[in-house]
Each structure stands twice: as C-alpha cells, then as structure tokens.
Amino acid sequence: MIGAIVMGVLLPIALFYLLGLQTLSQFLTIAASTFLTWGAADVLANILERPRLRDRSAGRAIREDIQRRAE
C-alpha cells in the first residue's frame, strides 16, 4: 500500500513541481507512467524470485530447460 501511495501520488507530485508542469493531464500522465513502471518492476521481481530461477542466469536457465525437455 505504501508503494502505491508513493509511486502513484507522491513521486508524480514531486516530478510535476520539479519539472514546472502546469496542466492536470501532464500530472495524470506522470502518475500513470510511474505507477505502471512500478507495477512492471514488481512483476519482474516476482518472476526472478521463483525457485527455478534462483541462483541462475537467464542463459543458464534456458539451456537447462531445453536439456530437461529434450530428455
């Protein structure tokens, strides 16, 4: 919940004032883009936390999956 408040409200407000923007549509665009970026990063972090990917590079994981399917 804290992340949603920070990334969806507080960060966009700070960027809005620091960049000197003036319209509501500019604020909403910044709010949507920061919130969606945070969401995408959270999804990718969850994927990388899966046990089958832990302690493996992406290339190594792909090679091992191909070998396992070939057997």
PDB file of N, CA and C in Angstrom:
ATOM      1  N   MET A   1       0.818  -1.186   0.000  1.00  0.00           N
ATOM      2  CA  MET A   1       0.000   0.000   0.000  1.00  0.00           C
ATOM      3  C   MET A   1       0.869   1.259   0.000  1.00  0.00           C
ATOM      4  N   ILE A   2       1.949   1.221   0.757  1.00  0.00           N
ATOM      5  CA  ILE A   2       2.840   2.381   0.807  1.00  0.00           C
ATOM      6  C   ILE A   2       3.446   2.644  -0.569  1.00  0.00           C
ATOM      7  N   GLY A   3       3.841   1.571  -1.266  1.00  0.00           N
ATOM      8  CA  GLY A   3       4.421   1.721  -2.600  1.00  0.00           C
ATOM      9  C   GLY A   3       3.457   2.367  -3.568  1.00  0.00           C
ATOM     10  N   ALA A   4       2.190   1.999  -3.496  1.00  0.00           N
ATOM     11  CA  ALA A   4       1.185   2.587  -4.388  1.00  0.00           C
ATOM     12  C   ALA A   4       1.007   4.078  -4.109  1.00  0.00           C
ATOM     13  N   ILE A   5       1.027   4.429  -2.845  1.00  0.00           N
ATOM     14  CA  ILE A   5       0.883   5.846  -2.489  1.00  0.00           C
ATOM     15  C   ILE A   5       2.092   6.642  -2.955  1.00  0.00           C
ATOM     16  N   VAL A   6       3.278   6.099  -2.730  1.00  0.00           N
ATOM     17  CA  VAL A   6       4.499   6.807  -3.121  1.00  0.00           C
ATOM     18  C   VAL A   6       4.603   6.913  -4.642  1.00  0.00           C
ATOM     19  N   MET A   7       4.437   5.773  -5.339  1.00  0.00           N
ATOM     20  CA  MET A   7       4.645   5.770  -6.789  1.00  0.00           C
ATOM     21  C   MET A   7       3.464   6.345  -7.559  1.00  0.00           C
ATOM     22  N   GLY A   8       2.266   6.290  -6.999  1.00  0.00           N
ATOM     23  CA  GLY A   8       1.098   6.796  -7.705  1.00  0.00           C
ATOM     24  C   GLY A   8       0.726   8.222  -7.368  1.00  0.00           C
ATOM     25  N   VAL A   9       1.245   8.744  -6.237  1.00  0.00           N
ATOM     26  CA  VAL A   9       0.842  10.088  -5.813  1.00  0.00           C
ATOM     27  C   VAL A   9       2.040  10.977  -5.489  1.00  0.00           C
ATOM     28  N   LEU A  10       2.864  10.572  -4.520  1.00  0.00           N
ATOM     29  CA  LEU A  10       3.926  11.465  -4.039  1.00  0.00           C
ATOM     30  C   LEU A  10       5.004  11.733  -5.089  1.00  0.00           C
ATOM     31  N   LEU A  11       5.501  10.689  -5.745  1.00  0.00           N
ATOM     32  CA  LEU A  11       6.518  10.895  -6.781  1.00  0.00           C
ATOM     33  C   LEU A  11       5.993  11.737  -7.947  1.00  0.00           C
ATOM     34  N   PRO A  12       4.781  11.463  -8.453  1.00  0.00           N
ATOM     35  CA  PRO A  12       4.266  12.324  -9.524  1.00  0.00           C
ATOM     36  C   PRO A  12       4.113  13.793  -9.107  1.00  0.00           C
ATOM     37  N   ILE A  13       3.700  14.029  -7.865  1.00  0.00           N
ATOM     38  CA  ILE A  13       3.586  15.422  -7.393  1.00  0.00           C
ATOM     39  C   ILE A  13       4.956  16.081  -7.389  1.00  0.00           C
ATOM     40  N   ALA A  14       5.964  15.365  -6.874  1.00  0.00           N
ATOM     41  CA  ALA A  14       7.320  15.930  -6.850  1.00  0.00           C
ATOM     42  C   ALA A  14       7.822  16.209  -8.263  1.00  0.00           C
ATOM     43  N   LEU A  15       7.654  15.260  -9.169  1.00  0.00           N
ATOM     44  CA  LEU A  15       8.093  15.480 -10.555  1.00  0.00           C
ATOM     45  C   LEU A  15       7.326  16.612 -11.216  1.00  0.00           C
ATOM     46  N   PHE A  16       6.041  16.696 -10.948  1.00  0.00           N
ATOM     47  CA  PHE A  16       5.196  17.744 -11.518  1.00  0.00           C
ATOM     48  C   PHE A  16       5.732  19.130 -11.161  1.00  0.00           C
ATOM     49  N   TYR A  17       6.076  19.308  -9.897  1.00  0.00           N
ATOM     50  CA  TYR A  17       6.585  20.621  -9.465  1.00  0.00           C
ATOM     51  C   TYR A  17       8.031  20.846  -9.880  1.00  0.00           C
ATOM     52  N   LEU A  18       8.865  19.821  -9.818  1.00  0.00           N
ATOM     53  CA  LEU A  18      10.268  19.986 -10.206  1.00  0.00           C
ATOM     54  C   LEU A  18      10.442  20.264 -11.692  1.00  0.00           C
ATOM     55  N   LEU A  19       9.568  19.687 -12.503  1.00  0.00           N
ATOM     56  CA  LEU A  19       9.655  19.917 -13.955  1.00  0.00           C
ATOM     57  C   LEU A  19       8.901  21.169 -14.396  1.00  0.00           C
ATOM     58  N   GLY A  20       8.184  21.794 -13.499  1.00  0.00           N
ATOM     59  CA  GLY A  20       7.469  23.023 -13.818  1.00  0.00           C
ATOM     60  C   GLY A  20       6.279  22.806 -14.738  1.00  0.00           C
ATOM     61  N   LEU A  21       5.623  21.680 -14.605  1.00  0.00           N
ATOM     62  CA  LEU A  21       4.465  21.386 -15.451  1.00  0.00           C
ATOM     63  C   LEU A  21       3.246  22.123 -14.919  1.00  0.00           C
ATOM     64  N   GLN A  22       2.209  22.271 -15.774  1.00  0.00           N
ATOM     65  CA  GLN A  22       1.112  23.130 -15.364  1.00  0.00           C
ATOM     66  C   GLN A  22      -0.276  22.538 -15.521  1.00  0.00           C
ATOM     67  N   THR A  23      -0.459  21.519 -16.348  1.00  0.00           N
ATOM     68  CA  THR A  23      -1.814  21.031 -16.591  1.00  0.00           C
ATOM     69  C   THR A  23      -2.086  19.723 -15.845  1.00  0.00           C
ATOM     70  N   LEU A  24      -3.365  19.485 -15.631  1.00  0.00           N
ATOM     71  CA  LEU A  24      -3.788  18.269 -14.949  1.00  0.00           C
ATOM     72  C   LEU A  24      -3.451  17.031 -15.785  1.00  0.00           C
ATOM     73  N   SER A  25      -3.568  17.133 -17.095  1.00  0.00           N
ATOM     74  CA  SER A  25      -3.266  15.982 -17.947  1.00  0.00           C
ATOM     75  C   SER A  25      -1.787  15.597 -17.852  1.00  0.00           C
ATOM     76  N   GLN A  26      -0.912  16.575 -17.707  1.00  0.00           N
ATOM     77  CA  GLN A  26       0.515  16.276 -17.532  1.00  0.00           C
ATOM     78  C   GLN A  26       0.741  15.538 -16.207  1.00  0.00           C
ATOM     79  N   PHE A  27       0.065  15.978 -15.157  1.00  0.00           N
ATOM     80  CA  PHE A  27       0.184  15.308 -13.864  1.00  0.00           C
ATOM     81  C   PHE A  27      -0.319  13.876 -13.942  1.00  0.00           C
ATOM     82  N   LEU A  28      -1.476  13.677 -14.566  1.00  0.00           N
ATOM     83  CA  LEU A  28      -2.045  12.338 -14.666  1.00  0.00           C
ATOM     84  C   LEU A  28      -1.167  11.416 -15.510  1.00  0.00           C
ATOM     85  N   THR A  29      -0.537  11.964 -16.544  1.00  0.00           N
ATOM     86  CA  THR A  29       0.372  11.172 -17.369  1.00  0.00           C
ATOM     87  C   THR A  29       1.574  10.713 -16.552  1.00  0.00           C
ATOM     88  N   ILE A  30       2.147  11.607 -15.779  1.00  0.00           N
ATOM     89  CA  ILE A  30       3.282  11.244 -14.922  1.00  0.00           C
ATOM     90  C   ILE A  30       2.841  10.216 -13.887  1.00  0.00           C
ATOM     91  N   ALA A  31       1.676  10.405 -13.277  1.00  0.00           N
ATOM     92  CA  ALA A  31       1.182   9.473 -12.257  1.00  0.00           C
ATOM     93  C   ALA A  31       0.977   8.085 -12.852  1.00  0.00           C
ATOM     94  N   ALA A  32       0.365   8.020 -14.015  1.00  0.00           N
ATOM     95  CA  ALA A  32       0.112   6.719 -14.644  1.00  0.00           C
ATOM     96  C   ALA A  32       1.410   6.031 -15.035  1.00  0.00           C
ATOM     97  N   SER A  33       2.338   6.780 -15.607  1.00  0.00           N
ATOM     98  CA  SER A  33       3.583   6.153 -16.063  1.00  0.00           C
ATOM     99  C   SER A  33       4.442   5.666 -14.884  1.00  0.00           C
ATOM    100  N   THR A  34       4.521   6.428 -13.810  1.00  0.00           N
ATOM    101  CA  THR A  34       5.317   5.970 -12.664  1.00  0.00           C
ATOM    102  C   THR A  34       4.655   4.779 -11.983  1.00  0.00           C
ATOM    103  N   PHE A  35       3.327   4.793 -11.888  1.00  0.00           N
ATOM    104  CA  PHE A  35       2.620   3.686 -11.260  1.00  0.00           C
ATOM    105  C   PHE A  35       2.764   2.408 -12.091  1.00  0.00           C
ATOM    106  N   LEU A  36       2.637   2.510 -13.412  1.00  0.00           N
ATOM    107  CA  LEU A  36       2.783   1.341 -14.279  1.00  0.00           C
ATOM    108  C   LEU A  36       4.217   0.823 -14.290  1.00  0.00           C
ATOM    109  N   THR A  37       5.189   1.712 -14.242  1.00  0.00           N
ATOM    110  CA  THR A  37       6.588   1.297 -14.185  1.00  0.00           C
ATOM    111  C   THR A  37       6.865   0.537 -12.896  1.00  0.00           C
ATOM    112  N   TRP A  38       6.348   1.025 -11.802  1.00  0.00           N
ATOM    113  CA  TRP A  38       6.496   0.339 -10.521  1.00  0.00           C
ATOM    114  C   TRP A  38       5.847  -1.043 -10.576  1.00  0.00           C
ATOM    115  N   GLY A  39       4.675  -1.127 -11.163  1.00  0.00           N
ATOM    116  CA  GLY A  39       3.988  -2.403 -11.283  1.00  0.00           C
ATOM    117  C   GLY A  39       4.752  -3.398 -12.133  1.00  0.00           C
ATOM    118  N   ALA A  40       5.299  -2.933 -13.255  1.00  0.00           N
ATOM    119  CA  ALA A  40       6.080  -3.819 -14.131  1.00  0.00           C
ATOM    120  C   ALA A  40       7.342  -4.303 -13.416  1.00  0.00           C
ATOM    121  N   ALA A  41       8.000  -3.427 -12.695  1.00  0.00           N
ATOM    122  CA  ALA A  41       9.203  -3.823 -11.953  1.00  0.00           C
ATOM    123  C   ALA A  41       8.859  -4.843 -10.875  1.00  0.00           C
ATOM    124  N   ASP A  42       7.711  -4.688 -10.239  1.00  0.00           N
ATOM    125  CA  ASP A  42       7.282  -5.639  -9.212  1.00  0.00           C
ATOM    126  C   ASP A  42       6.999  -7.009  -9.820  1.00  0.00           C
ATOM    127  N   VAL A  43       6.364  -7.046 -10.973  1.00  0.00           N
ATOM    128  CA  VAL A  43       6.089  -8.317 -11.656  1.00  0.00           C
ATOM    129  C   VAL A  43       7.393  -9.011 -12.031  1.00  0.00           C
ATOM    130  N   LEU A  44       8.334  -8.265 -12.597  1.00  0.00           N
ATOM    131  CA  LEU A  44       9.620  -8.863 -12.980  1.00  0.00           C
ATOM    132  C   LEU A  44      10.381  -9.369 -11.759  1.00  0.00           C
ATOM    133  N   ALA A  45      10.321  -8.640 -10.653  1.00  0.00           N
ATOM    134  CA  ALA A  45      10.991  -9.087  -9.433  1.00  0.00           C
ATOM    135  C   ALA A  45      10.378 -10.383  -8.925  1.00  0.00           C
ATOM    136  N   ASN A  46       9.065 -10.501  -9.014  1.00  0.00           N
ATOM    137  CA  ASN A  46       8.409 -11.736  -8.580  1.00  0.00           C
ATOM    138  C   ASN A  46       8.798 -12.916  -9.461  1.00  0.00           C
ATOM    139  N   ILE A  47       8.940 -12.690 -10.745  1.00  0.00           N
ATOM    140  CA  ILE A  47       9.354 -13.761 -11.654  1.00  0.00           C
ATOM    141  C   ILE A  47      10.761 -14.232 -11.301  1.00  0.00           C
ATOM    142  N   LEU A  48      11.658 -13.304 -11.038  1.00  0.00           N
ATOM    143  CA  LEU A  48      13.037 -13.671 -10.728  1.00  0.00           C
ATOM    144  C   LEU A  48      13.185 -14.325  -9.364  1.00  0.00           C
ATOM    145  N   GLU A  49      12.210 -14.174  -8.481  1.00  0.00           N
ATOM    146  CA  GLU A  49      12.262 -14.804  -7.172  1.00  0.00           C
ATOM    147  C   GLU A  49      11.803 -16.253  -7.196  1.00  0.00           C
ATOM    148  N   ARG A  50      11.253 -16.719  -8.298  1.00  0.00           N
ATOM    149  CA  ARG A  50      10.781 -18.100  -8.377  1.00  0.00           C
ATOM    150  C   ARG A  50      11.944 -19.051  -8.146  1.00  0.00           C
ATOM    151  N   PRO A  51      11.700 -20.126  -7.437  1.00  0.00           N
ATOM    152  CA  PRO A  51      12.788 -21.051  -7.079  1.00  0.00           C
ATOM    153  C   PRO A  51      13.563 -21.592  -8.279  1.00  0.00           C
ATOM    154  N   ARG A  52      12.901 -21.846  -9.407  1.00  0.00           N
ATOM    155  CA  ARG A  52      13.624 -22.427 -10.539  1.00  0.00           C
ATOM    156  C   ARG A  52      14.590 -21.434 -11.181  1.00  0.00           C
ATOM    157  N   LEU A  53      14.438 -20.150 -10.905  1.00  0.00           N
ATOM    158  CA  LEU A  53      15.344 -19.155 -11.476  1.00  0.00           C
ATOM    159  C   LEU A  53      16.380 -18.649 -10.481  1.00  0.00           C
ATOM    160  N   ARG A  54      16.269 -19.058  -9.237  1.00  0.00           N
ATOM    161  CA  ARG A  54      17.191 -18.577  -8.215  1.00  0.00           C
ATOM    162  C   ARG A  54      18.601 -19.072  -8.488  1.00  0.00           C
ATOM    163  N   ASP A  55      19.576 -18.216  -8.330  1.00  0.00           N
ATOM    164  CA  ASP A  55      20.995 -18.529  -8.493  1.00  0.00           C
ATOM    165  C   ASP A  55      21.344 -19.007  -9.904  1.00  0.00           C
ATOM    166  N   ARG A  56      20.584 -18.592 -10.892  1.00  0.00           N
ATOM    167  CA  ARG A  56      20.878 -18.963 -12.280  1.00  0.00           C
ATOM    168  C   ARG A  56      20.744 -17.735 -13.158  1.00  0.00           C
ATOM    169  N   SER A  57      21.598 -17.679 -14.169  1.00  0.00           N
ATOM    170  CA  SER A  57      21.463 -16.605 -15.141  1.00  0.00           C
ATOM    171  C   SER A  57      20.342 -16.979 -16.102  1.00  0.00           C
ATOM    172  N   ALA A  58      19.891 -16.021 -16.876  1.00  0.00           N
ATOM    173  CA  ALA A  58      18.818 -16.292 -17.829  1.00  0.00           C
ATOM    174  C   ALA A  58      19.266 -17.315 -18.870  1.00  0.00           C
ATOM    175  N   GLY A  59      20.488 -17.174 -19.380  1.00  0.00           N
ATOM    176  CA  GLY A  59      21.006 -18.121 -20.369  1.00  0.00           C
ATOM    177  C   GLY A  59      21.114 -19.530 -19.815  1.00  0.00           C
ATOM    178  N   ARG A  60      21.598 -19.634 -18.602  1.00  0.00           N
ATOM    179  CA  ARG A  60      21.733 -20.955 -17.967  1.00  0.00           C
ATOM    180  C   ARG A  60      20.363 -21.592 -17.742  1.00  0.00           C
ATOM    181  N   ALA A  61      19.394 -20.794 -17.321  1.00  0.00           N
ATOM    182  CA  ALA A  61      18.043 -21.309 -17.103  1.00  0.00           C
ATOM    183  C   ALA A  61      17.443 -21.825 -18.406  1.00  0.00           C
ATOM    184  N   ILE A  62      17.648 -21.097 -19.493  1.00  0.00           N
ATOM    185  CA  ILE A  62      17.122 -21.521 -20.801  1.00  0.00           C
ATOM    186  C   ILE A  62      17.780 -22.820 -21.239  1.00  0.00           C
ATOM    187  N   ARG A  63      19.114 -22.903 -21.120  1.00  0.00           N
ATOM    188  CA  ARG A  63      19.826 -24.138 -21.513  1.00  0.00           C
ATOM    189  C   ARG A  63      19.353 -25.336 -20.700  1.00  0.00           C
ATOM    190  N   GLU A  64      19.203 -25.155 -19.399  1.00  0.00           N
ATOM    191  CA  GLU A  64      18.755 -26.257 -18.552  1.00  0.00           C
ATOM    192  C   GLU A  64      17.334 -26.677 -18.883  1.00  0.00           C
ATOM    193  N   ASP A  65      16.473 -25.707 -19.179  1.00  0.00           N
ATOM    194  CA  ASP A  65      15.104 -26.055 -19.550  1.00  0.00           C
ATOM    195  C   ASP A  65      15.061 -26.811 -20.869  1.00  0.00           C
ATOM    196  N   ILE A  66      15.886 -26.424 -21.833  1.00  0.00           N
ATOM    197  CA  ILE A  66      15.929 -27.115 -23.128  1.00  0.00           C
ATOM    198  C   ILE A  66      16.434 -28.548 -22.931  1.00  0.00           C
ATOM    199  N   GLN A  67      17.479 -28.709 -22.125  1.00  0.00           N
ATOM    200  CA  GLN A  67      18.025 -30.045 -21.865  1.00  0.00           C
ATOM    201  C   GLN A  67      16.995 -30.933 -21.165  1.00  0.00           C
ATOM    202  N   ARG A  68      16.292 -30.368 -20.216  1.00  0.00           N
ATOM    203  CA  ARG A  68      15.284 -31.143 -19.473  1.00  0.00           C
ATOM    204  C   ARG A  68      14.146 -31.577 -20.388  1.00  0.00           C
ATOM    205  N   ARG A  69      13.737 -30.716 -21.311  1.00  0.00           N
ATOM    206  CA  ARG A  69      12.665 -31.066 -22.236  1.00  0.00           C
ATOM    207  C   ARG A  69      13.113 -32.075 -23.285  1.00  0.00           C
ATOM    208  N   ALA A  70      14.400 -32.060 -23.617  1.00  0.00           N
ATOM    209  CA  ALA A  70      14.935 -32.993 -24.617  1.00  0.00           C
ATOM    210  C   ALA A  70      15.031 -34.412 -24.075  1.00  0.00           C
ATOM    211  N   GLU A  71      15.105 -34.552 -22.774  1.00  0.00           N
ATOM    212  CA  GLU A  71      15.266 -35.891 -22.163  1.00  0.00           C
ATOM    213  C   GLU A  71      13.972 -36.659 -22.149  1.00  0.00           C
TER     214      GLU A  71
END
